C-alpha atoms as a PDB file:
ATOM      1  CA  UNK A   1     -19.652 -22.659  22.406  1.00  0.00           C
ATOM      2  CA  UNK A   2     -19.861 -18.862  22.284  1.00  0.00           C
ATOM      3  CA  UNK A   3     -16.107 -16.839  21.097  1.00  0.00           C
ATOM      4  CA  UNK A   4     -14.432 -15.456  24.097  1.00  0.00           C
ATOM      5  CA  UNK A   5     -15.297 -10.992  24.431  1.00  0.00           C
ATOM      6  CA  UNK A   6     -12.221  -9.020  22.792  1.00  0.00           C
ATOM      7  CA  UNK A   7     -11.327  -6.602  25.395  1.00  0.00           C
ATOM      8  CA  UNK A   8     -10.818  -3.378  23.066  1.00  0.00           C
ATOM      9  CA  UNK A   9      -8.855  -1.816  25.859  1.00  0.00           C
ATOM     10  CA  UNK A  10      -6.295  -3.983  26.724  1.00  0.00           C
ATOM     11  CA  UNK A  11      -5.453  -4.891  23.447  1.00  0.00           C
ATOM     12  CA  UNK A  12      -5.045  -0.583  22.731  1.00  0.00           C
ATOM     13  CA  UNK A  13      -3.070  -0.786  26.243  1.00  0.00           C
ATOM     14  CA  UNK A  14      -1.142  -3.503  24.777  1.00  0.00           C
ATOM     15  CA  UNK A  15      -0.458  -2.068  21.393  1.00  0.00           C
ATOM     16  CA  UNK A  16       0.494   1.200  22.816  1.00  0.00           C
ATOM     17  CA  UNK A  17       3.124  -0.267  25.063  1.00  0.00           C
ATOM     18  CA  UNK A  18       4.747  -1.623  22.040  1.00  0.00           C
ATOM     19  CA  UNK A  19       3.732  -5.431  21.760  1.00  0.00           C
ATOM     20  CA  UNK A  20       4.228  -7.045  18.868  1.00  0.00           C
ATOM     21  CA  UNK A  21       1.814  -9.627  19.651  1.00  0.00           C
ATOM     22  CA  UNK A  22      -0.915  -7.016  20.289  1.00  0.00           C
ATOM     23  CA  UNK A  23      -0.121  -4.879  16.737  1.00  0.00           C
ATOM     24  CA  UNK A  24      -0.605  -8.244  14.860  1.00  0.00           C
ATOM     25  CA  UNK A  25      -3.674  -8.997  16.673  1.00  0.00           C
ATOM     26  CA  UNK A  26      -5.075  -5.662  16.241  1.00  0.00           C
ATOM     27  CA  UNK A  27      -3.987  -5.814  12.024  1.00  0.00           C
ATOM     28  CA  UNK A  28      -5.639  -9.455  11.912  1.00  0.00           C
ATOM     29  CA  UNK A  29      -8.618  -7.791  13.306  1.00  0.00           C
ATOM     30  CA  UNK A  30      -9.143  -4.909  11.016  1.00  0.00           C
ATOM     31  CA  UNK A  31      -8.751  -7.383   7.911  1.00  0.00           C
ATOM     32  CA  UNK A  32     -11.352  -9.753   9.244  1.00  0.00           C
ATOM     33  CA  UNK A  33     -14.755  -9.760   7.285  1.00  0.00           C
ATOM     34  CA  UNK A  34     -16.383 -10.551  10.443  1.00  0.00           C
ATOM     35  CA  UNK A  35     -19.253  -8.201  11.617  1.00  0.00           C
ATOM     36  CA  UNK A  36     -18.135  -8.420  15.095  1.00  0.00           C
ATOM     37  CA  UNK A  37     -15.070  -7.779  14.459  1.00  0.00           C
ATOM     38  CA  UNK A  38     -15.105  -4.968  11.905  1.00  0.00           C
ATOM     39  CA  UNK A  39     -17.227  -3.509  15.054  1.00  0.00           C
ATOM     40  CA  UNK A  40     -14.303  -3.489  17.369  1.00  0.00           C
ATOM     41  CA  UNK A  41     -11.650  -2.774  14.692  1.00  0.00           C
ATOM     42  CA  UNK A  42     -14.210   0.615  14.002  1.00  0.00           C
ATOM     43  CA  UNK A  43     -13.663   1.207  17.958  1.00  0.00           C
ATOM     44  CA  UNK A  44     -10.493   0.538  18.422  1.00  0.00           C
ATOM     45  CA  UNK A  45      -9.285   2.686  15.538  1.00  0.00           C
ATOM     46  CA  UNK A  46     -11.318   5.600  17.112  1.00  0.00           C
ATOM     47  CA  UNK A  47      -9.478   5.202  20.327  1.00  0.00           C
ATOM     48  CA  UNK A  48      -6.110   5.147  18.717  1.00  0.00           C
ATOM     49  CA  UNK A  49      -6.628   8.447  16.591  1.00  0.00           C
ATOM     50  CA  UNK A  50      -4.899  10.604  18.361  1.00  0.00           C
ATOM     51  CA  UNK A  51      -1.844   8.588  18.317  1.00  0.00           C
ATOM     52  CA  UNK A  52      -1.812   8.214  15.072  1.00  0.00           C
ATOM     53  CA  UNK A  53      -0.033  10.412  11.798  1.00  0.00           C
ATOM     54  CA  UNK A  54       3.367  10.756  13.002  1.00  0.00           C
ATOM     55  CA  UNK A  55       4.997   8.271  10.838  1.00  0.00           C
ATOM     56  CA  UNK A  56       6.697   9.335   7.137  1.00  0.00           C
ATOM     57  CA  UNK A  57       5.062   6.848   4.877  1.00  0.00           C
ATOM     58  CA  UNK A  58       6.377   5.721   2.004  1.00  0.00           C
ATOM     59  CA  UNK A  59       5.029   3.816  -0.888  1.00  0.00           C
ATOM     60  CA  UNK A  60       7.484   1.284  -2.964  1.00  0.00           C
ATOM     61  CA  UNK A  61       6.335  -0.176  -6.589  1.00  0.00           C
ATOM     62  CA  UNK A  62       8.349  -1.687  -9.302  1.00  0.00           C
ATOM     63  CA  UNK A  63       7.429  -4.761 -11.473  1.00  0.00           C
ATOM     64  CA  UNK A  64       8.442  -8.210 -10.418  1.00  0.00           C
ATOM     65  CA  UNK A  65      12.401  -8.740 -10.620  1.00  0.00           C
ATOM     66  CA  UNK A  66      13.099  -4.958  -9.773  1.00  0.00           C
ATOM     67  CA  UNK A  67      14.341  -5.867  -6.125  1.00  0.00           C
ATOM     68  CA  UNK A  68      11.748  -4.472  -4.137  1.00  0.00           C
ATOM     69  CA  UNK A  69      11.667  -6.989  -1.078  1.00  0.00           C
ATOM     70  CA  UNK A  70      15.845  -6.824  -0.997  1.00  0.00           C
ATOM     71  CA  UNK A  71      16.022  -3.148  -1.200  1.00  0.00           C
ATOM     72  CA  UNK A  72      13.445  -2.684   1.373  1.00  0.00           C
ATOM     73  CA  UNK A  73      15.511  -4.882   3.742  1.00  0.00           C
ATOM     74  CA  UNK A  74      18.790  -3.057   3.561  1.00  0.00           C
ATOM     75  CA  UNK A  75      16.584  -0.044   3.714  1.00  0.00           C
ATOM     76  CA  UNK A  76      14.711  -0.853   6.425  1.00  0.00           C
ATOM     77  CA  UNK A  77      18.447  -2.273   8.660  1.00  0.00           C
ATOM     78  CA  UNK A  78      19.907   1.057   7.774  1.00  0.00           C
ATOM     79  CA  UNK A  79      16.970   3.195   9.095  1.00  0.00           C
ATOM     80  CA  UNK A  80      16.516   0.894  12.084  1.00  0.00           C
ATOM     81  CA  UNK A  81      20.428   1.203  12.890  1.00  0.00           C
ATOM     82  CA  UNK A  82      19.494   4.956  12.916  1.00  0.00           C
ATOM     83  CA  UNK A  83      17.294   4.708  15.581  1.00  0.00           C
ATOM     84  CA  UNK A  84      14.381   4.768  13.449  1.00  0.00           C
ATOM     85  CA  UNK A  85      11.275   2.091  14.034  1.00  0.00           C
ATOM     86  CA  UNK A  86      10.202   0.531  10.297  1.00  0.00           C
ATOM     87  CA  UNK A  87       6.924  -1.338   9.424  1.00  0.00           C
ATOM     88  CA  UNK A  88       6.175  -2.809   5.883  1.00  0.00           C
ATOM     89  CA  UNK A  89       3.484  -3.848   4.929  1.00  0.00           C
ATOM     90  CA  UNK A  90       4.030  -6.045   2.230  1.00  0.00           C
ATOM     91  CA  UNK A  91       1.296  -6.698  -0.191  1.00  0.00           C
ATOM     92  CA  UNK A  92       1.464 -10.242  -1.936  1.00  0.00           C
ATOM     93  CA  UNK A  93      -0.581 -11.266  -4.765  1.00  0.00           C
ATOM     94  CA  UNK A  94      -3.870 -13.887  -3.519  1.00  0.00           C
ATOM     95  CA  UNK A  95      -3.500 -17.305  -4.122  1.00  0.00           C
ATOM     96  CA  UNK A  96      -6.674 -18.368  -6.662  1.00  0.00           C
ATOM     97  CA  UNK A  97      -7.126 -21.435  -4.179  1.00  0.00           C
ATOM     98  CA  UNK A  98      -7.197 -20.154  -0.674  1.00  0.00           C
ATOM     99  CA  UNK A  99      -6.998 -16.453  -1.002  1.00  0.00           C
ATOM    100  CA  UNK A 100      -3.526 -16.372   1.126  1.00  0.00           C
ATOM    101  CA  UNK A 101      -0.320 -14.866   0.534  1.00  0.00           C
ATOM    102  CA  UNK A 102       2.105 -16.476  -2.199  1.00  0.00           C
ATOM    103  CA  UNK A 103       5.588 -14.682  -2.328  1.00  0.00           C
ATOM    104  CA  UNK A 104       5.914 -14.683   1.664  1.00  0.00           C
ATOM    105  CA  UNK A 105       7.667 -11.479   2.004  1.00  0.00           C
ATOM    106  CA  UNK A 106       8.704 -11.981   5.577  1.00  0.00           C
ATOM    107  CA  UNK A 107      10.816 -14.944   4.543  1.00  0.00           C
ATOM    108  CA  UNK A 108      12.365 -12.613   1.768  1.00  0.00           C
ATOM    109  CA  UNK A 109      13.731 -10.258   4.323  1.00  0.00           C
ATOM    110  CA  UNK A 110      14.877 -12.716   6.755  1.00  0.00           C
ATOM    111  CA  UNK A 111      17.571  -9.978   8.593  1.00  0.00           C
ATOM    112  CA  UNK A 112      14.585  -7.187   8.900  1.00  0.00           C
ATOM    113  CA  UNK A 113      12.275  -9.749  10.250  1.00  0.00           C
ATOM    114  CA  UNK A 114      14.246 -10.581  13.161  1.00  0.00           C
ATOM    115  CA  UNK A 115      15.115  -6.776  13.977  1.00  0.00           C
ATOM    116  CA  UNK A 116      13.538  -5.863  17.080  1.00  0.00           C
ATOM    117  CA  UNK A 117      12.733  -2.620  15.902  1.00  0.00           C
ATOM    118  CA  UNK A 118      10.936  -3.730  13.045  1.00  0.00           C
ATOM    119  CA  UNK A 119       7.693  -5.427  11.806  1.00  0.00           C
ATOM    120  CA  UNK A 120       6.991  -6.737   8.888  1.00  0.00           C
ATOM    121  CA  UNK A 121       3.334  -7.700   7.680  1.00  0.00           C
ATOM    122  CA  UNK A 122       2.660  -9.750   4.937  1.00  0.00           C
ATOM    123  CA  UNK A 123      -1.052  -9.704   3.579  1.00  0.00           C
ATOM    124  CA  UNK A 124      -2.831 -11.444   0.445  1.00  0.00           C
ATOM    125  CA  UNK A 125      -4.400  -8.280  -1.743  1.00  0.00           C
ATOM    126  CA  UNK A 126      -7.882 -10.129  -1.578  1.00  0.00           C
ATOM    127  CA  UNK A 127      -7.839  -8.838  -5.474  1.00  0.00           C
ATOM    128  CA  UNK A 128      -8.093  -5.303  -4.519  1.00  0.00           C
ATOM    129  CA  UNK A 129      -7.179  -3.134  -7.181  1.00  0.00           C
ATOM    130  CA  UNK A 130      -3.295  -2.171  -7.267  1.00  0.00           C
ATOM    131  CA  UNK A 131      -2.443  -4.874  -5.176  1.00  0.00           C
ATOM    132  CA  UNK A 132      -3.333  -2.886  -1.928  1.00  0.00           C
ATOM    133  CA  UNK A 133      -5.655  -4.684   0.899  1.00  0.00           C
ATOM    134  CA  UNK A 134      -8.607  -3.302   1.919  1.00  0.00           C
ATOM    135  CA  UNK A 135      -7.584  -2.499   4.780  1.00  0.00           C
ATOM    136  CA  UNK A 136      -3.578  -1.258   4.552  1.00  0.00           C
ATOM    137  CA  UNK A 137      -5.005   1.932   5.532  1.00  0.00           C
ATOM    138  CA  UNK A 138      -5.881   0.586   8.911  1.00  0.00           C
ATOM    139  CA  UNK A 139      -3.007  -1.226   9.296  1.00  0.00           C
ATOM    140  CA  UNK A 140      -0.888   1.865   8.722  1.00  0.00           C
ATOM    141  CA  UNK A 141      -2.653   3.335  11.512  1.00  0.00           C
ATOM    142  CA  UNK A 142      -2.200   0.850  13.377  1.00  0.00           C
ATOM    143  CA  UNK A 143       1.533   0.393  13.189  1.00  0.00           C
ATOM    144  CA  UNK A 144       1.786   4.580  13.835  1.00  0.00           C
ATOM    145  CA  UNK A 145      -0.586   3.888  17.206  1.00  0.00           C
ATOM    146  CA  UNK A 146       2.385   1.095  18.071  1.00  0.00           C
ATOM    147  CA  UNK A 147       5.318   3.622  17.393  1.00  0.00           C
ATOM    148  CA  UNK A 148       6.785   3.278  14.295  1.00  0.00           C
ATOM    149  CA  UNK A 149       7.598   6.439  12.862  1.00  0.00           C
ATOM    150  CA  UNK A 150       8.594   4.781   9.282  1.00  0.00           C
ATOM    151  CA  UNK A 151       5.878   3.107   7.378  1.00  0.00           C
ATOM    152  CA  UNK A 152       6.811   1.629   3.890  1.00  0.00           C
ATOM    153  CA  UNK A 153       3.663  -0.144   1.978  1.00  0.00           C
ATOM    154  CA  UNK A 154       5.117  -2.311  -0.782  1.00  0.00           C
ATOM    155  CA  UNK A 155       2.855  -2.926  -3.518  1.00  0.00           C
ATOM    156  CA  UNK A 156       2.293  -6.090  -5.838  1.00  0.00           C
ATOM    157  CA  UNK A 157       4.036  -4.733  -8.838  1.00  0.00           C
ATOM    158  CA  UNK A 158       2.448  -6.846 -11.283  1.00  0.00           C
ATOM    159  CA  UNK A 159       0.212  -4.738 -13.745  1.00  0.00           C
ATOM    160  CA  UNK A 160      -2.495  -3.085 -11.328  1.00  0.00           C
ATOM    161  CA  UNK A 161      -3.573   0.474 -10.901  1.00  0.00           C
ATOM    162  CA  UNK A 162      -0.835   1.795  -8.677  1.00  0.00           C
ATOM    163  CA  UNK A 163      -3.182   4.781  -7.957  1.00  0.00           C
ATOM    164  CA  UNK A 164      -4.418   3.078  -4.270  1.00  0.00           C
ATOM    165  CA  UNK A 165      -1.127   3.166  -2.676  1.00  0.00           C
ATOM    166  CA  UNK A 166       0.164   6.249  -3.931  1.00  0.00           C
ATOM    167  CA  UNK A 167      -3.515   7.963  -2.919  1.00  0.00           C
ATOM    168  CA  UNK A 168      -2.111   6.445   0.977  1.00  0.00           C
ATOM    169  CA  UNK A 169       1.127   7.336   1.337  1.00  0.00           C
ATOM    170  CA  UNK A 170       3.280  10.916   1.763  1.00  0.00           C
ATOM    171  CA  UNK A 171       5.779   9.725  -1.123  1.00  0.00           C
ATOM    172  CA  UNK A 172       5.439   7.344  -4.036  1.00  0.00           C
ATOM    173  CA  UNK A 173       8.990   5.271  -4.784  1.00  0.00           C
ATOM    174  CA  UNK A 174       9.185   3.836  -7.954  1.00  0.00           C
ATOM    175  CA  UNK A 175      12.006   1.033  -8.677  1.00  0.00           C
ATOM    176  CA  UNK A 176      13.084   0.668 -12.152  1.00  0.00           C
ATOM    177  CA  UNK A 177      15.584  -2.154 -13.758  1.00  0.00           C
ATOM    178  CA  UNK A 178      18.124  -0.776 -16.216  1.00  0.00           C
ATOM    179  CA  UNK A 179      17.958  -0.886 -19.259  1.00  0.00           C
ATOM    180  CA  UNK A 180      18.215   0.958 -22.730  1.00  0.00           C
ATOM    181  CA  UNK A 181      15.924   3.862 -24.173  1.00  0.00           C
ATOM    182  CA  UNK A 182      13.491   1.043 -25.527  1.00  0.00           C
ATOM    183  CA  UNK A 183      12.779   0.034 -22.022  1.00  0.00           C
ATOM    184  CA  UNK A 184      11.201   3.724 -21.668  1.00  0.00           C
ATOM    185  CA  UNK A 185       8.598   2.218 -24.289  1.00  0.00           C
ATOM    186  CA  UNK A 186       7.370  -0.802 -21.697  1.00  0.00           C
ATOM    187  CA  UNK A 187       6.822   1.674 -18.675  1.00  0.00           C
ATOM    188  CA  UNK A 188       3.490   2.745 -18.113  1.00  0.00           C
ATOM    189  CA  UNK A 189       3.307   6.947 -18.567  1.00  0.00           C
ATOM    190  CA  UNK A 190       0.790   6.476 -15.358  1.00  0.00           C
ATOM    191  CA  UNK A 191       3.087   5.392 -13.051  1.00  0.00           C
ATOM    192  CA  UNK A 192       6.274   7.797 -14.119  1.00  0.00           C
ATOM    193  CA  UNK A 193       3.375  10.601 -13.149  1.00  0.00           C
ATOM    194  CA  UNK A 194       2.399   8.732  -9.938  1.00  0.00           C
ATOM    195  CA  UNK A 195       6.012   8.624  -8.719  1.00  0.00           C
ATOM    196  CA  UNK A 196       7.524  11.400  -6.102  1.00  0.00           C
ATOM    197  CA  UNK A 197      10.798   9.611  -6.798  1.00  0.00           C
ATOM    198  CA  UNK A 198      12.239   7.371  -9.745  1.00  0.00           C
ATOM    199  CA  UNK A 199      15.107   4.579  -8.602  1.00  0.00           C
ATOM    200  CA  UNK A 200      16.999   2.885 -11.165  1.00  0.00           C
ATOM    201  CA  UNK A 201      17.797  -0.351  -8.895  1.00  0.00           C
ATOM    202  CA  UNK A 202      20.480  -3.197  -9.253  1.00  0.00           C
ATOM    203  CA  UNK A 203      23.322  -0.370 -10.592  1.00  0.00           C
ATOM    204  CA  UNK A 204      26.187  -2.658  -8.929  1.00  0.00           C
ATOM    205  CA  UNK A 205      25.483  -5.036 -11.832  1.00  0.00           C
ATOM    206  CA  UNK A 206      26.186  -2.223 -14.415  1.00  0.00           C
ATOM    207  CA  UNK A 207      26.814   1.089 -13.666  1.00  0.00           C
ATOM    208  CA  UNK A 208      27.076   2.754 -16.977  1.00  0.00           C
ATOM    209  CA  UNK A 209      23.794   1.125 -17.954  1.00  0.00           C
ATOM    210  CA  UNK A 210      22.144   1.926 -14.888  1.00  0.00           C
ATOM    211  CA  UNK A 211      23.242   5.735 -14.870  1.00  0.00           C
ATOM    212  CA  UNK A 212      21.954   5.757 -18.973  1.00  0.00           C
ATOM    213  CA  UNK A 213      19.126   4.546 -17.830  1.00  0.00           C
ATOM    214  CA  UNK A 214      18.584   7.259 -15.039  1.00  0.00           C
ATOM    215  CA  UNK A 215      19.323  10.093 -18.000  1.00  0.00           C
ATOM    216  CA  UNK A 216      16.698   8.587 -19.803  1.00  0.00           C
ATOM    217  CA  UNK A 217      14.243   8.894 -17.128  1.00  0.00           C
ATOM    218  CA  UNK A 218      15.377  12.551 -16.637  1.00  0.00           C
ATOM    219  CA  UNK A 219      14.618  13.585 -20.067  1.00  0.00           C
ATOM    220  CA  UNK A 220      11.186  12.043 -19.870  1.00  0.00           C
ATOM    221  CA  UNK A 221      10.101  13.510 -16.798  1.00  0.00           C
ATOM    222  CA  UNK A 222      11.176  17.059 -18.784  1.00  0.00           C
ATOM    223  CA  UNK A 223       8.406  16.300 -21.043  1.00  0.00           C
ATOM    224  CA  UNK A 224       5.457  15.815 -18.316  1.00  0.00           C
ATOM    225  CA  UNK A 225       3.884  18.227 -16.023  1.00  0.00           C
ATOM    226  CA  UNK A 226       5.368  17.687 -12.282  1.00  0.00           C
ATOM    227  CA  UNK A 227       2.162  16.585  -9.880  1.00  0.00           C
ATOM    228  CA  UNK A 228       3.522  19.751  -7.584  1.00  0.00           C
ATOM    229  CA  UNK A 229       5.446  22.962  -9.062  1.00  0.00           C
ATOM    230  CA  UNK A 230       7.689  22.512  -5.829  1.00  0.00           C
ATOM    231  CA  UNK A 231       8.734  19.458  -6.330  1.00  0.00           C
ATOM    232  CA  UNK A 232      10.535  17.914  -9.766  1.00  0.00           C
ATOM    233  CA  UNK A 233      11.049  13.642  -9.100  1.00  0.00           C
ATOM    234  CA  UNK A 234      14.445  13.001  -8.941  1.00  0.00           C
ATOM    235  CA  UNK A 235      15.644   9.879 -10.633  1.00  0.00           C
ATOM    236  CA  UNK A 236      18.602   7.836  -8.607  1.00  0.00           C
ATOM    237  CA  UNK A 237      20.678   4.742  -9.207  1.00  0.00           C
ATOM    238  CA  UNK A 238      20.816   2.373  -6.323  1.00  0.00           C
ATOM    239  CA  UNK A 239      21.434  -0.992  -5.045  1.00  0.00           C
ATOM    240  CA  UNK A 240      19.525  -2.871  -3.084  1.00  0.00           C
ATOM    241  CA  UNK A 241      21.814  -5.303  -2.771  1.00  0.00           C
ATOM    242  CA  UNK A 242      24.927  -4.245  -1.786  1.00  0.00           C
ATOM    243  CA  UNK A 243      22.891  -0.786  -0.100  1.00  0.00           C
ATOM    244  CA  UNK A 244      24.791   1.904  -2.006  1.00  0.00           C
ATOM    245  CA  UNK A 245      23.228   4.634  -2.731  1.00  0.00           C
ATOM    246  CA  UNK A 246      20.034   3.905  -0.039  1.00  0.00           C
ATOM    247  CA  UNK A 247      21.228   6.893   1.672  1.00  0.00           C
ATOM    248  CA  UNK A 248      20.915   9.221  -1.133  1.00  0.00           C
ATOM    249  CA  UNK A 249      17.599   7.815  -1.646  1.00  0.00           C
ATOM    250  CA  UNK A 250      16.140   8.351   2.138  1.00  0.00           C
ATOM    251  CA  UNK A 251      17.687  11.792   1.936  1.00  0.00           C
ATOM    252  CA  UNK A 252      15.400  12.615  -0.835  1.00  0.00           C
ATOM    253  CA  UNK A 253      12.473  10.634   1.263  1.00  0.00           C
ATOM    254  CA  UNK A 254      13.549  13.914   3.655  1.00  0.00           C
ATOM    255  CA  UNK A 255      14.013  16.586   1.509  1.00  0.00           C
ATOM    256  CA  UNK A 256      10.443  15.711  -0.114  1.00  0.00           C
ATOM    257  CA  UNK A 257       8.887  15.657   3.649  1.00  0.00           C
ATOM    258  CA  UNK A 258      10.453  19.171   4.312  1.00  0.00           C
ATOM    259  CA  UNK A 259       9.438  21.030   1.185  1.00  0.00           C
ATOM    260  CA  UNK A 260       5.909  19.518   1.162  1.00  0.00           C
ATOM    261  CA  UNK A 261       5.631  20.457   4.796  1.00  0.00           C
ATOM    262  CA  UNK A 262       6.899  23.685   4.399  1.00  0.00           C
ATOM    263  CA  UNK A 263       4.318  24.590   1.525  1.00  0.00           C
ATOM    264  CA  UNK A 264       1.408  22.783   3.150  1.00  0.00           C
ATOM    265  CA  UNK A 265       1.377  20.399   0.351  1.00  0.00           C
ATOM    266  CA  UNK A 266       1.805  17.305   2.622  1.00  0.00           C
ATOM    267  CA  UNK A 267      -1.224  18.150   5.144  1.00  0.00           C
ATOM    268  CA  UNK A 268      -3.232  18.919   2.334  1.00  0.00           C
ATOM    269  CA  UNK A 269      -2.382  15.662   0.377  1.00  0.00           C
ATOM    270  CA  UNK A 270      -3.034  13.704   3.741  1.00  0.00           C
ATOM    271  CA  UNK A 271      -6.541  15.759   4.123  1.00  0.00           C
ATOM    272  CA  UNK A 272      -7.620  14.790   0.639  1.00  0.00           C
ATOM    273  CA  UNK A 273      -6.306  10.978   1.063  1.00  0.00           C
ATOM    274  CA  UNK A 274      -9.077  10.954   4.483  1.00  0.00           C
ATOM    275  CA  UNK A 275     -11.615  12.516   2.389  1.00  0.00           C
ATOM    276  CA  UNK A 276     -11.222   9.650  -0.573  1.00  0.00           C
ATOM    277  CA  UNK A 277     -10.760   6.748   2.152  1.00  0.00           C
ATOM    278  CA  UNK A 278     -13.962   7.944   3.595  1.00  0.00           C
ATOM    279  CA  UNK A 279     -15.996   7.429   0.706  1.00  0.00           C
ATOM    280  CA  UNK A 280     -14.321   4.201  -0.788  1.00  0.00           C
ATOM    281  CA  UNK A 281     -15.424   2.935   3.167  1.00  0.00           C
ATOM    282  CA  UNK A 282     -18.786   4.217   2.276  1.00  0.00           C
ATOM    283  CA  UNK A 283     -18.703   2.535  -1.394  1.00  0.00           C
ATOM    284  CA  UNK A 284     -17.571  -1.144   0.430  1.00  0.00           C
ATOM    285  CA  UNK A 285     -20.083  -0.849   2.967  1.00  0.00           C
ATOM    286  CA  UNK A 286     -22.763  -0.034   0.688  1.00  0.00           C
ATOM    287  CA  UNK A 287     -21.966  -2.635  -1.894  1.00  0.00           C
ATOM    288  CA  UNK A 288     -21.803  -5.232   1.139  1.00  0.00           C
ATOM    289  CA  UNK A 289     -25.282  -4.797   2.072  1.00  0.00           C
ATOM    290  CA  UNK A 290     -26.239  -4.760  -1.702  1.00  0.00           C
ATOM    291  CA  UNK A 291     -24.954  -7.933  -1.743  1.00  0.00           C
ATOM    292  CA  UNK A 292     -25.984  -9.385   1.639  1.00  0.00           C
ATOM    293  CA  UNK A 293     -29.852  -8.216   0.916  1.00  0.00           C
ATOM    294  CA  UNK A 294     -31.783 -11.410   0.550  1.00  0.00           C
ATOM    295  CA  UNK A 295     -33.963  -9.801  -2.123  1.00  0.00           C
ATOM    296  CA  UNK A 296     -30.798  -9.049  -4.053  1.00  0.00           C
ATOM    297  CA  UNK A 297     -29.398 -12.451  -3.385  1.00  0.00           C
ATOM    298  CA  UNK A 298     -32.022 -14.375  -4.322  1.00  0.00           C
ATOM    299  CA  UNK A 299     -31.897 -12.850  -7.924  1.00  0.00           C
ATOM    300  CA  UNK A 300     -28.238 -12.756  -8.286  1.00  0.00           C
ATOM    301  CA  UNK A 301     -27.449 -16.523 -10.003  1.00  0.00           C
ATOM    302  CA  UNK A 302     -30.236 -16.021 -12.300  1.00  0.00           C
ATOM    303  CA  UNK A 303     -29.445 -12.464 -13.382  1.00  0.00           C
ATOM    304  CA  UNK A 304     -26.160 -13.066 -13.669  1.00  0.00           C
ATOM    305  CA  UNK A 305     -26.866 -16.223 -15.629  1.00  0.00           C
ATOM    306  CA  UNK A 306     -28.897 -14.648 -18.303  1.00  0.00           C
ATOM    307  CA  UNK A 307     -26.010 -11.970 -18.637  1.00  0.00           C
ATOM    308  CA  UNK A 308     -23.574 -14.611 -18.966  1.00  0.00           C
ATOM    309  CA  UNK A 309     -25.633 -15.932 -21.839  1.00  0.00           C
ATOM    310  CA  UNK A 310     -26.369 -13.052 -23.434  1.00  0.00           C
ATOM    311  CA  UNK A 311     -30.081 -13.110 -22.718  1.00  0.00           C
ATOM    312  CA  UNK A 312     -30.365 -10.019 -20.617  1.00  0.00           C
ATOM    313  CA  UNK A 313     -28.248  -7.137 -21.104  1.00  0.00           C
ATOM    314  CA  UNK A 314     -25.792  -5.658 -18.163  1.00  0.00           C
ATOM    315  CA  UNK A 315     -27.611  -2.403 -17.530  1.00  0.00           C
ATOM    316  CA  UNK A 316     -30.989  -4.128 -17.628  1.00  0.00           C
ATOM    317  CA  UNK A 317     -29.633  -6.704 -14.965  1.00  0.00           C
ATOM    318  CA  UNK A 318     -28.393  -3.786 -12.826  1.00  0.00           C
ATOM    319  CA  UNK A 319     -31.825  -2.054 -12.552  1.00  0.00           C
ATOM    320  CA  UNK A 320     -33.223  -5.814 -11.562  1.00  0.00           C
ATOM    321  CA  UNK A 321     -30.909  -5.992  -8.863  1.00  0.00           C
ATOM    322  CA  UNK A 322     -31.047  -2.490  -7.969  1.00  0.00           C
ATOM    323  CA  UNK A 323     -35.135  -2.411  -7.885  1.00  0.00           C
ATOM    324  CA  UNK A 324     -35.129  -5.632  -5.433  1.00  0.00           C
ATOM    325  CA  UNK A 325     -32.338  -3.500  -3.531  1.00  0.00           C
ATOM    326  CA  UNK A 326     -34.816  -0.881  -3.077  1.00  0.00           C
ATOM    327  CA  UNK A 327     -33.413   1.706  -5.588  1.00  0.00           C
END
């Protein structure tokens, strides 16, 4: 029995009307690897593009245990109470067996998940760099088209490069744990360089210790060149559990938007992100076409086996596969 034909116009209408089920269906569509679903997703996104771009895009990262989900839930509930509509794209590590989400962010944000002005979408990372799904960008656009004016992307934060999420949001927030000066030795310099805002979370447990950590990070930032001359990343203390300091956090997010909009950096950042996204999609599609080519598929097992056995250099193996592809 053939699958039913998807009515893109109807899905578009329902999504623009704010139907949560339609948004969930649309995100499932863009996450699908089926060729017909991918074509339908591209058509849907093309139709929705004029309705996208209006949200404040916030990336939040941090090591496991930093309290990302607790903080996002408290912040999200405060924002919806203030009249915002908040979408959270929480990207989980993929299960090694079935590729599904294993952290279950939706169950860890019980209050926010039942808020009518919030939408939470846990998605498996699928092994993508930085723990960000291959389709998170499209999901973000769909949320914007559905009327969400704040989109939060929570990264896995288990050691992968966070460059991917920093390259799709307007502001990148790093949640850190209170600690002594020795803690600075364990934090990647690259993460601090990427962050537009640093937050020492769980400050309620030991406010003095949290403030010492904040002071250490402020001192560390003085030796780094800011990503933009008009913005030096603030270092705040907060508690996702009690909500203390989250109003200041959001105030800094808004200040960043105002500063970067006024100087044109926000628009330039989004334009650069879109251009890099285009080339990432080109590379994705080329890689898929390459692996799907019959001549390549016929050689993969033998060639990879020879490389693993040490009988064939990787460069020669790559040449062999590329030649089979016609390059």
